[in-house]
């Protein structure tokens, strides 16, 4: 018997097709044996009847075999789908692990940036204190009021208006950025 188009099917599907062909052949043989038994007489009739019954049982067995192979083919497909799902799960798990590692690294970087920012803020506070101290020394030496005290006075509404009117315009450009101020610029996040 030749079955066409079997090369593209799985082994279970091929076996199912073969079992289906055998079941059809067994059913035809069982019908032929029954016809022979109906025509026979005496002891021969009884022998043919037993043979016809055996052929019928064989045809039924072939049909059950065909169904079993169908279930096996379905199980093979389900197993292939489960294997593909497992592969996807493993891939997602690996991606999740990589994402977690990247997040951990980013958190470590952010912690480092925060420490740098705190250090820079501390350095800026020390610079501001040094500037206030220098302004106080200048005031004692030259007799002018320190800049930080002028600022405090300027924060009061009525005194601030009069005080600002008496302040001379700035004569020099602003001082350059200190090294610690450049560290405060964090990289932008995408």
N, C-alpha and C. Protein backbone atom coordinates (compact mmCIF):
# COMPACT_ATOMS: atom_id res chain seq x y z
N UNK A 1 0.85 -1.15 0.00
CA UNK A 1 0.00 0.00 0.00
C UNK A 1 0.91 1.23 0.00
N UNK A 2 0.57 2.23 -0.82
CA UNK A 2 1.36 3.45 -0.93
C UNK A 2 0.51 4.61 -0.42
N UNK A 3 1.07 5.35 0.53
CA UNK A 3 0.38 6.54 1.04
C UNK A 3 1.12 7.76 0.52
N UNK A 4 0.39 8.65 -0.12
CA UNK A 4 1.04 9.82 -0.70
C UNK A 4 0.99 10.98 0.29
N UNK A 5 1.94 11.90 0.12
CA UNK A 5 1.98 13.12 0.93
C UNK A 5 2.38 12.89 2.37
N UNK A 6 3.13 11.83 2.67
CA UNK A 6 3.47 11.50 4.05
C UNK A 6 4.77 12.17 4.52
N UNK A 7 5.57 12.68 3.59
CA UNK A 7 6.88 13.19 3.99
C UNK A 7 6.79 14.44 4.86
N UNK A 8 5.73 15.22 4.73
CA UNK A 8 5.63 16.45 5.51
C UNK A 8 4.96 16.24 6.86
N UNK A 9 4.52 15.02 7.17
CA UNK A 9 3.82 14.75 8.42
C UNK A 9 4.79 14.21 9.47
N UNK A 10 4.40 14.36 10.75
CA UNK A 10 5.20 13.78 11.83
C UNK A 10 5.03 12.27 11.81
N UNK A 11 5.86 11.58 12.56
CA UNK A 11 5.78 10.11 12.61
C UNK A 11 4.42 9.67 13.13
N UNK A 12 3.93 10.33 14.17
CA UNK A 12 2.62 9.96 14.73
C UNK A 12 1.51 10.16 13.70
N UNK A 13 1.59 11.25 12.94
CA UNK A 13 0.57 11.49 11.90
C UNK A 13 0.67 10.45 10.80
N UNK A 14 1.90 10.06 10.44
CA UNK A 14 2.08 9.02 9.42
C UNK A 14 1.51 7.69 9.90
N UNK A 15 1.77 7.34 11.15
CA UNK A 15 1.24 6.09 11.70
C UNK A 15 -0.28 6.12 11.76
N UNK A 16 -0.83 7.29 12.06
CA UNK A 16 -2.29 7.42 12.10
C UNK A 16 -2.88 7.18 10.71
N UNK A 17 -2.25 7.73 9.67
CA UNK A 17 -2.74 7.54 8.31
C UNK A 17 -2.66 6.06 7.91
N UNK A 18 -1.57 5.38 8.27
CA UNK A 18 -1.43 3.95 7.97
C UNK A 18 -2.51 3.16 8.71
N UNK A 19 -2.74 3.48 9.99
CA UNK A 19 -3.76 2.77 10.77
C UNK A 19 -5.14 2.98 10.17
N UNK A 20 -5.41 4.16 9.67
CA UNK A 20 -6.71 4.45 9.05
C UNK A 20 -6.89 3.59 7.79
N UNK A 21 -5.86 3.48 6.99
CA UNK A 21 -5.93 2.64 5.78
C UNK A 21 -6.14 1.17 6.16
N UNK A 22 -5.42 0.69 7.18
CA UNK A 22 -5.60 -0.69 7.64
C UNK A 22 -7.01 -0.92 8.18
N UNK A 23 -7.56 0.06 8.88
CA UNK A 23 -8.91 -0.08 9.43
C UNK A 23 -9.93 -0.21 8.30
N UNK A 24 -9.76 0.56 7.23
CA UNK A 24 -10.68 0.45 6.08
C UNK A 24 -10.56 -0.93 5.43
N UNK A 25 -9.32 -1.40 5.26
CA UNK A 25 -9.10 -2.73 4.67
C UNK A 25 -9.69 -3.83 5.56
N UNK A 26 -9.50 -3.72 6.86
CA UNK A 26 -10.03 -4.73 7.78
C UNK A 26 -11.55 -4.75 7.75
N UNK A 27 -12.17 -3.58 7.65
CA UNK A 27 -13.64 -3.51 7.58
C UNK A 27 -14.13 -4.18 6.29
N UNK A 28 -13.43 -3.95 5.19
CA UNK A 28 -13.81 -4.59 3.91
C UNK A 28 -13.66 -6.11 4.00
N UNK A 29 -12.58 -6.58 4.60
CA UNK A 29 -12.36 -8.03 4.77
C UNK A 29 -13.44 -8.63 5.68
N UNK A 30 -13.82 -7.92 6.72
CA UNK A 30 -14.86 -8.43 7.62
C UNK A 30 -16.19 -8.56 6.89
N UNK A 31 -16.52 -7.61 6.03
CA UNK A 31 -17.75 -7.70 5.23
C UNK A 31 -17.70 -8.88 4.26
N UNK A 32 -16.54 -9.07 3.63
CA UNK A 32 -16.39 -10.20 2.69
C UNK A 32 -16.53 -11.53 3.44
N UNK A 33 -15.93 -11.65 4.63
CA UNK A 33 -16.03 -12.88 5.42
C UNK A 33 -17.47 -13.13 5.84
N UNK A 34 -18.21 -12.09 6.18
CA UNK A 34 -19.62 -12.25 6.57
C UNK A 34 -20.45 -12.74 5.39
N UNK A 35 -20.20 -12.19 4.21
CA UNK A 35 -20.91 -12.64 3.00
C UNK A 35 -20.63 -14.12 2.72
N UNK A 36 -19.37 -14.53 2.86
CA UNK A 36 -19.00 -15.94 2.67
C UNK A 36 -19.71 -16.83 3.68
N UNK A 37 -19.75 -16.36 4.93
CA UNK A 37 -20.40 -17.15 5.98
C UNK A 37 -21.89 -17.29 5.70
N UNK A 38 -22.52 -16.23 5.18
CA UNK A 38 -23.95 -16.29 4.87
C UNK A 38 -24.24 -17.30 3.76
N UNK A 39 -23.31 -17.50 2.83
CA UNK A 39 -23.52 -18.41 1.70
C UNK A 39 -23.16 -19.86 2.03
N UNK A 40 -22.37 -20.08 3.05
CA UNK A 40 -21.89 -21.43 3.37
C UNK A 40 -22.99 -22.24 4.06
N UNK A 41 -22.77 -23.59 4.08
CA UNK A 41 -23.72 -24.52 4.69
C UNK A 41 -23.01 -25.39 5.72
N UNK A 42 -23.71 -25.79 6.75
CA UNK A 42 -23.21 -26.77 7.71
C UNK A 42 -22.02 -26.29 8.51
N UNK A 43 -21.01 -27.22 8.65
CA UNK A 43 -19.80 -26.93 9.45
C UNK A 43 -19.00 -25.79 8.84
N UNK A 44 -18.98 -25.70 7.55
CA UNK A 44 -18.24 -24.62 6.88
C UNK A 44 -18.85 -23.27 7.25
N UNK A 45 -20.20 -23.25 7.35
CA UNK A 45 -20.86 -21.99 7.71
C UNK A 45 -20.41 -21.54 9.09
N UNK A 46 -20.33 -22.50 10.02
CA UNK A 46 -19.91 -22.14 11.38
C UNK A 46 -18.46 -21.64 11.37
N UNK A 47 -17.59 -22.24 10.62
CA UNK A 47 -16.19 -21.80 10.53
C UNK A 47 -16.11 -20.41 9.92
N UNK A 48 -16.88 -20.20 8.85
CA UNK A 48 -16.88 -18.87 8.22
C UNK A 48 -17.46 -17.81 9.15
N UNK A 49 -18.46 -18.19 9.93
CA UNK A 49 -19.05 -17.23 10.88
C UNK A 49 -18.01 -16.82 11.92
N UNK A 50 -17.27 -17.80 12.44
CA UNK A 50 -16.20 -17.46 13.40
C UNK A 50 -15.13 -16.58 12.75
N UNK A 51 -14.79 -16.90 11.51
CA UNK A 51 -13.79 -16.09 10.79
C UNK A 51 -14.30 -14.68 10.56
N UNK A 52 -15.61 -14.57 10.23
CA UNK A 52 -16.19 -13.24 10.01
C UNK A 52 -16.19 -12.43 11.31
N UNK A 53 -16.52 -13.10 12.42
CA UNK A 53 -16.49 -12.40 13.72
C UNK A 53 -15.07 -11.95 14.07
N UNK A 54 -14.10 -12.83 13.81
CA UNK A 54 -12.70 -12.48 14.08
C UNK A 54 -12.27 -11.29 13.21
N UNK A 55 -12.70 -11.30 11.95
CA UNK A 55 -12.35 -10.18 11.06
C UNK A 55 -12.99 -8.89 11.56
N UNK A 56 -14.23 -8.99 12.08
CA UNK A 56 -14.91 -7.80 12.62
C UNK A 56 -14.17 -7.27 13.83
N UNK A 57 -13.74 -8.18 14.72
CA UNK A 57 -12.96 -7.75 15.88
C UNK A 57 -11.64 -7.10 15.45
N UNK A 58 -11.02 -7.67 14.43
CA UNK A 58 -9.77 -7.09 13.91
C UNK A 58 -10.02 -5.69 13.35
N UNK A 59 -11.15 -5.52 12.64
CA UNK A 59 -11.49 -4.20 12.09
C UNK A 59 -11.71 -3.20 13.22
N UNK A 60 -12.42 -3.65 14.28
CA UNK A 60 -12.64 -2.76 15.44
C UNK A 60 -11.31 -2.39 16.10
N UNK A 61 -10.43 -3.40 16.23
CA UNK A 61 -9.12 -3.13 16.84
C UNK A 61 -8.33 -2.13 16.01
N UNK A 62 -8.39 -2.26 14.69
CA UNK A 62 -7.70 -1.30 13.82
C UNK A 62 -8.28 0.10 14.01
N UNK A 63 -9.59 0.19 14.16
CA UNK A 63 -10.23 1.51 14.37
C UNK A 63 -9.75 2.12 15.68
N UNK A 64 -9.71 1.29 16.74
CA UNK A 64 -9.23 1.80 18.03
C UNK A 64 -7.76 2.23 17.93
N UNK A 65 -6.99 1.46 17.19
CA UNK A 65 -5.58 1.80 16.99
C UNK A 65 -5.46 3.15 16.27
N UNK A 66 -6.33 3.34 15.26
CA UNK A 66 -6.33 4.62 14.53
C UNK A 66 -6.62 5.78 15.48
N UNK A 67 -7.62 5.60 16.36
CA UNK A 67 -7.95 6.66 17.33
C UNK A 67 -6.79 6.90 18.30
N UNK A 68 -6.18 5.82 18.75
CA UNK A 68 -5.05 5.96 19.68
C UNK A 68 -3.90 6.72 19.04
N UNK A 69 -3.64 6.42 17.78
CA UNK A 69 -2.56 7.14 17.09
C UNK A 69 -2.94 8.61 16.88
N UNK A 70 -4.23 8.88 16.69
CA UNK A 70 -4.68 10.28 16.60
C UNK A 70 -4.41 11.02 17.90
N UNK A 71 -4.70 10.35 19.03
CA UNK A 71 -4.42 10.97 20.33
C UNK A 71 -2.92 11.16 20.52
N UNK A 72 -2.13 10.20 20.04
CA UNK A 72 -0.67 10.33 20.14
C UNK A 72 -0.17 11.51 19.32
N UNK A 73 -0.77 11.71 18.13
CA UNK A 73 -0.38 12.85 17.29
C UNK A 73 -0.72 14.15 18.00
N UNK A 74 -1.92 14.20 18.62
CA UNK A 74 -2.30 15.40 19.36
C UNK A 74 -1.36 15.64 20.54
N UNK A 75 -0.98 14.55 21.22
CA UNK A 75 -0.06 14.68 22.35
C UNK A 75 1.31 15.18 21.88
N UNK A 76 1.74 14.71 20.70
CA UNK A 76 3.02 15.17 20.15
C UNK A 76 2.98 16.67 19.87
N UNK A 77 1.85 17.12 19.29
CA UNK A 77 1.70 18.56 19.01
C UNK A 77 1.70 19.36 20.31
N UNK A 78 0.98 18.85 21.32
CA UNK A 78 0.94 19.55 22.61
C UNK A 78 2.32 19.60 23.26
N UNK A 79 3.08 18.50 23.14
CA UNK A 79 4.44 18.48 23.70
C UNK A 79 5.33 19.48 22.98
N UNK A 80 5.18 19.58 21.66
CA UNK A 80 5.99 20.55 20.90
C UNK A 80 5.63 21.97 21.33
N UNK A 81 4.32 22.23 21.52
CA UNK A 81 3.89 23.56 21.97
C UNK A 81 4.43 23.85 23.37
N UNK A 82 4.41 22.85 24.25
CA UNK A 82 4.94 23.03 25.61
C UNK A 82 6.44 23.31 25.58
N UNK A 83 7.14 22.60 24.70
CA UNK A 83 8.59 22.82 24.58
C UNK A 83 8.87 24.24 24.08
N UNK A 84 8.10 24.70 23.11
CA UNK A 84 8.28 26.07 22.61
C UNK A 84 7.97 27.08 23.71
N UNK A 85 6.92 26.80 24.49
CA UNK A 85 6.57 27.69 25.60
C UNK A 85 7.68 27.72 26.65
N UNK A 86 8.26 26.56 26.94
CA UNK A 86 9.37 26.50 27.89
C UNK A 86 10.56 27.31 27.38
N UNK A 87 10.84 27.19 26.08
CA UNK A 87 11.96 27.95 25.50
C UNK A 87 11.71 29.45 25.65
N UNK A 88 10.45 29.87 25.38
CA UNK A 88 10.12 31.29 25.54
C UNK A 88 10.25 31.72 27.00
N UNK A 89 9.80 30.85 27.92
CA UNK A 89 9.90 31.17 29.35
C UNK A 89 11.36 31.33 29.76
N UNK A 90 12.21 30.44 29.29
CA UNK A 90 13.64 30.54 29.61
C UNK A 90 14.22 31.83 29.06
N UNK A 91 13.83 32.17 27.82
CA UNK A 91 14.32 33.41 27.21
C UNK A 91 13.84 34.62 28.01
N UNK A 92 12.55 34.63 28.41
CA UNK A 92 12.02 35.75 29.20
C UNK A 92 12.74 35.83 30.55
N UNK A 93 13.03 34.67 31.15
CA UNK A 93 13.72 34.64 32.43
C UNK A 93 15.13 35.22 32.29
N UNK A 94 15.81 34.85 31.21
CA UNK A 94 17.15 35.39 30.97
C UNK A 94 17.10 36.90 30.76
N UNK A 95 16.08 37.37 30.01
CA UNK A 95 15.94 38.81 29.78
C UNK A 95 15.63 39.53 31.09
N UNK A 96 14.78 38.91 31.92
CA UNK A 96 14.45 39.52 33.22
C UNK A 96 15.69 39.61 34.10
N UNK A 97 16.53 38.57 34.07
CA UNK A 97 17.77 38.60 34.85
C UNK A 97 18.70 39.70 34.35
N UNK A 98 18.80 39.84 33.03
CA UNK A 98 19.64 40.90 32.46
C UNK A 98 19.09 42.28 32.84
N UNK A 99 17.75 42.43 32.77
CA UNK A 99 17.14 43.71 33.15
C UNK A 99 17.38 44.02 34.62
N UNK A 100 17.28 42.99 35.47
CA UNK A 100 17.51 43.19 36.91
C UNK A 100 18.96 43.60 37.16
N UNK A 101 19.89 42.98 36.45
CA UNK A 101 21.31 43.35 36.61
C UNK A 101 21.54 44.78 36.17
N UNK A 102 20.91 45.18 35.05
CA UNK A 102 21.05 46.56 34.57
C UNK A 102 20.45 47.54 35.57
N UNK A 103 19.29 47.19 36.14
CA UNK A 103 18.66 48.06 37.13
C UNK A 103 19.53 48.19 38.38
N UNK A 104 20.15 47.07 38.79
CA UNK A 104 21.03 47.10 39.95
C UNK A 104 22.24 47.98 39.69
N UNK A 105 22.78 47.87 38.48
CA UNK A 105 23.94 48.70 38.11
C UNK A 105 23.54 50.17 38.09
N UNK A 106 22.35 50.46 37.53
CA UNK A 106 21.88 51.85 37.48
C UNK A 106 21.66 52.39 38.89
N UNK A 107 21.14 51.54 39.79
CA UNK A 107 20.95 51.97 41.17
C UNK A 107 22.30 52.28 41.83
N UNK A 108 23.29 51.44 41.55
CA UNK A 108 24.63 51.69 42.08
C UNK A 108 25.21 52.99 41.55
N UNK A 109 25.00 53.24 40.24
CA UNK A 109 25.47 54.50 39.66
C UNK A 109 24.76 55.68 40.29
N UNK A 110 23.44 55.56 40.48
CA UNK A 110 22.67 56.65 41.08
C UNK A 110 23.15 56.91 42.51
N UNK A 111 23.47 55.83 43.22
CA UNK A 111 23.99 55.99 44.58
C UNK A 111 25.32 56.74 44.55
N UNK A 112 26.16 56.40 43.58
CA UNK A 112 27.44 57.11 43.44
C UNK A 112 27.24 58.58 43.11
N UNK A 113 26.28 58.86 42.19
CA UNK A 113 25.99 60.25 41.85
C UNK A 113 25.45 61.01 43.06
N UNK A 114 24.61 60.35 43.85
CA UNK A 114 24.05 61.00 45.04
C UNK A 114 25.17 61.32 46.03
N UNK A 115 26.11 60.38 46.20
CA UNK A 115 27.23 60.63 47.10
C UNK A 115 28.07 61.79 46.59
N UNK A 116 28.34 61.82 45.27
CA UNK A 116 29.09 62.94 44.69
C UNK A 116 28.35 64.25 44.90
N UNK A 117 27.02 64.21 44.74
CA UNK A 117 26.23 65.43 44.93
C UNK A 117 26.30 65.90 46.38
N UNK A 118 26.22 64.95 47.33
CA UNK A 118 26.33 65.33 48.75
C UNK A 118 27.72 65.91 49.03
N UNK A 119 28.75 65.26 48.50
CA UNK A 119 30.11 65.77 48.69
C UNK A 119 30.25 67.17 48.10
N UNK A 120 29.67 67.37 46.92
CA UNK A 120 29.74 68.68 46.27
C UNK A 120 28.98 69.73 47.08
N UNK A 121 27.82 69.33 47.61
CA UNK A 121 27.05 70.27 48.43
C UNK A 121 27.83 70.63 49.69
N UNK A 122 28.49 69.64 50.29
CA UNK A 122 29.32 69.93 51.47
C UNK A 122 30.46 70.87 51.11
N UNK A 123 31.10 70.61 49.96
CA UNK A 123 32.19 71.49 49.53
C UNK A 123 31.68 72.89 49.24
N UNK A 124 30.49 72.98 48.63
CA UNK A 124 29.91 74.30 48.34
C UNK A 124 29.60 75.03 49.64
N UNK A 125 29.10 74.31 50.64
CA UNK A 125 28.82 74.94 51.93
C UNK A 125 30.11 75.45 52.57
N UNK A 126 31.17 74.65 52.46
CA UNK A 126 32.47 75.10 52.99
C UNK A 126 32.97 76.32 52.23
N UNK A 127 32.81 76.32 50.89
CA UNK A 127 33.21 77.48 50.09
C UNK A 127 32.41 78.71 50.48
N UNK A 128 31.10 78.53 50.70
CA UNK A 128 30.26 79.66 51.08
C UNK A 128 30.68 80.20 52.44
N UNK A 129 30.97 79.31 53.36
CA UNK A 129 31.41 79.74 54.70
C UNK A 129 32.74 80.48 54.59
N UNK A 130 33.64 79.98 53.75
CA UNK A 130 34.92 80.66 53.56
C UNK A 130 34.71 82.03 52.93
N UNK A 131 33.77 82.13 51.99
CA UNK A 131 33.49 83.42 51.36
C UNK A 131 32.91 84.40 52.38
N UNK A 132 32.01 83.91 53.25
CA UNK A 132 31.45 84.79 54.29
C UNK A 132 32.55 85.27 55.23
N UNK A 133 33.42 84.34 55.61
CA UNK A 133 34.51 84.72 56.51
C UNK A 133 35.42 85.75 55.85
N UNK A 134 35.70 85.56 54.55
CA UNK A 134 36.54 86.53 53.83
C UNK A 134 35.84 87.88 53.75
N UNK A 135 34.52 87.87 53.54
CA UNK A 135 33.77 89.12 53.46
C UNK A 135 33.77 89.82 54.82
N UNK A 136 33.64 89.04 55.88
CA UNK A 136 33.69 89.65 57.22
C UNK A 136 35.06 90.26 57.49
N UNK A 137 36.12 89.56 57.08
CA UNK A 137 37.47 90.12 57.26
C UNK A 137 37.63 91.39 56.44
N UNK A 138 37.10 91.38 55.24
CA UNK A 138 37.19 92.56 54.37
C UNK A 138 36.44 93.73 55.01
N UNK A 139 35.31 93.43 55.61
CA UNK A 139 34.52 94.47 56.26
C UNK A 139 35.30 95.07 57.42
N UNK A 140 35.95 94.19 58.19
CA UNK A 140 36.71 94.71 59.31
C UNK A 140 37.89 95.54 58.84
N UNK A 141 38.49 95.13 57.73
CA UNK A 141 39.66 95.84 57.22
C UNK A 141 39.25 97.11 56.48
N UNK A 142 38.24 97.02 55.58
CA UNK A 142 37.88 98.15 54.73
C UNK A 142 36.65 98.91 55.22
N UNK A 143 35.94 98.36 56.15
CA UNK A 143 34.81 99.06 56.71
C UNK A 143 33.52 98.94 55.91
N UNK A 144 33.44 98.12 54.92
CA UNK A 144 32.18 97.98 54.17
C UNK A 144 31.40 96.80 54.74
N UNK A 145 30.12 96.82 54.50
CA UNK A 145 29.24 95.77 55.01
C UNK A 145 29.41 94.51 54.14
N UNK A 146 29.51 93.30 54.74
CA UNK A 146 29.66 92.07 53.95
C UNK A 146 28.43 91.79 53.09
N UNK A 147 28.68 91.11 51.99
CA UNK A 147 27.62 90.85 51.00
C UNK A 147 26.51 89.99 51.58
N UNK A 148 26.84 89.01 52.40
CA UNK A 148 25.78 88.14 52.91
C UNK A 148 24.86 88.90 53.87
N UNK A 149 25.37 89.93 54.55
CA UNK A 149 24.50 90.72 55.42
C UNK A 149 23.62 91.63 54.58
N UNK A 150 24.17 92.14 53.47
CA UNK A 150 23.34 92.95 52.57
C UNK A 150 22.18 92.11 52.03
N UNK A 151 22.46 90.87 51.74
CA UNK A 151 21.42 89.98 51.20
C UNK A 151 20.34 89.76 52.24
N UNK A 152 20.73 89.57 53.49
CA UNK A 152 19.73 89.37 54.53
C UNK A 152 18.86 90.62 54.69
N UNK A 153 19.48 91.77 54.64
CA UNK A 153 18.70 93.01 54.72
C UNK A 153 17.78 93.15 53.52
N UNK A 154 18.25 92.74 52.38
CA UNK A 154 17.45 92.87 51.16
C UNK A 154 16.23 91.98 51.20
N UNK A 155 16.23 90.95 52.02
CA UNK A 155 15.07 90.07 52.08
C UNK A 155 13.91 90.72 52.82
N UNK A 156 14.18 91.78 53.61
CA UNK A 156 13.08 92.51 54.24
C UNK A 156 12.53 93.50 53.22
N UNK A 157 11.21 93.52 53.01
CA UNK A 157 10.63 94.32 51.92
C UNK A 157 10.98 95.80 51.96
N UNK A 158 10.78 96.46 53.06
CA UNK A 158 10.97 97.92 53.06
C UNK A 158 12.45 98.28 53.03
N UNK A 159 13.25 97.59 53.82
CA UNK A 159 14.68 97.90 53.85
C UNK A 159 15.35 97.49 52.56
N UNK A 160 14.85 96.43 51.94
CA UNK A 160 15.46 95.94 50.73
C UNK A 160 15.36 96.92 49.58
N UNK A 161 14.27 97.61 49.47
CA UNK A 161 14.12 98.57 48.37
C UNK A 161 15.14 99.70 48.50
N UNK A 162 15.29 100.22 49.68
CA UNK A 162 16.26 101.30 49.88
C UNK A 162 17.68 100.80 49.72
N UNK A 163 17.94 99.60 50.24
CA UNK A 163 19.28 99.06 50.19
C UNK A 163 19.71 98.77 48.76
N UNK A 164 18.83 98.21 47.95
CA UNK A 164 19.19 97.92 46.56
C UNK A 164 19.49 99.19 45.79
N UNK A 165 18.84 100.24 46.14
CA UNK A 165 19.10 101.49 45.44
C UNK A 165 20.50 101.99 45.73
N UNK A 166 21.05 101.67 46.91
CA UNK A 166 22.38 102.15 47.26
C UNK A 166 23.50 101.22 46.83
N UNK A 167 23.17 99.98 46.41
CA UNK A 167 24.22 99.04 46.01
C UNK A 167 24.81 99.46 44.67
N UNK A 168 26.12 99.43 44.55
CA UNK A 168 26.72 99.75 43.25
C UNK A 168 26.51 98.59 42.28
N UNK A 169 26.47 98.85 40.97
CA UNK A 169 26.33 97.76 40.00
C UNK A 169 27.59 96.90 40.02
N UNK A 170 27.46 95.62 39.66
CA UNK A 170 28.64 94.75 39.66
C UNK A 170 29.65 95.23 38.63
N UNK A 171 30.92 95.23 39.03
CA UNK A 171 31.97 95.71 38.14
C UNK A 171 32.80 94.59 37.53
N UNK A 172 32.67 93.40 38.05
CA UNK A 172 33.47 92.30 37.51
C UNK A 172 32.53 91.17 37.08
N UNK A 173 32.99 90.32 36.13
CA UNK A 173 32.16 89.18 35.71
C UNK A 173 32.02 88.17 36.85
N UNK A 174 31.00 87.33 36.79
CA UNK A 174 30.83 86.34 37.87
C UNK A 174 32.02 85.39 37.92
N UNK A 175 32.32 84.88 39.08
CA UNK A 175 33.48 83.97 39.21
C UNK A 175 33.22 82.68 38.43
N UNK A 176 34.30 82.02 37.98
CA UNK A 176 34.13 80.75 37.24
C UNK A 176 33.59 79.66 38.16
N UNK A 177 32.99 78.65 37.54
CA UNK A 177 32.46 77.51 38.31
C UNK A 177 33.61 76.78 38.99
N UNK A 178 33.36 76.34 40.20
CA UNK A 178 34.35 75.53 40.89
C UNK A 178 34.26 74.11 40.38
N UNK A 179 35.29 73.36 40.63
CA UNK A 179 35.31 71.97 40.15
C UNK A 179 34.16 71.16 40.72
N UNK A 180 33.81 71.36 41.98
CA UNK A 180 32.74 70.56 42.59
C UNK A 180 31.38 70.90 42.01
N UNK A 181 31.20 72.08 41.44
CA UNK A 181 29.91 72.44 40.86
C UNK A 181 29.66 71.67 39.56
N UNK A 182 30.70 71.31 38.85
CA UNK A 182 30.52 70.56 37.60
C UNK A 182 30.05 69.14 37.88
N UNK A 183 30.37 68.59 39.02
CA UNK A 183 29.97 67.22 39.36
C UNK A 183 28.46 67.13 39.55
N UNK A 184 27.83 68.22 39.94
CA UNK A 184 26.38 68.21 40.19
C UNK A 184 25.58 67.95 38.93
N UNK A 185 26.16 68.10 37.77
CA UNK A 185 25.42 67.88 36.53
C UNK A 185 25.38 66.38 36.25
N UNK A 186 24.23 65.76 36.53
CA UNK A 186 24.06 64.32 36.33
C UNK A 186 23.73 64.05 34.88
N UNK A 187 24.10 62.89 34.37
CA UNK A 187 23.75 62.56 32.97
C UNK A 187 22.24 62.40 32.83
N UNK A 188 21.71 62.82 31.71
CA UNK A 188 20.26 62.72 31.49
C UNK A 188 19.88 61.28 31.26
N UNK A 189 18.69 60.89 31.76
CA UNK A 189 18.19 59.52 31.58
C UNK A 189 17.41 59.44 30.29
N UNK A 190 17.53 58.34 29.57
CA UNK A 190 16.77 58.15 28.32
C UNK A 190 15.41 57.59 28.62
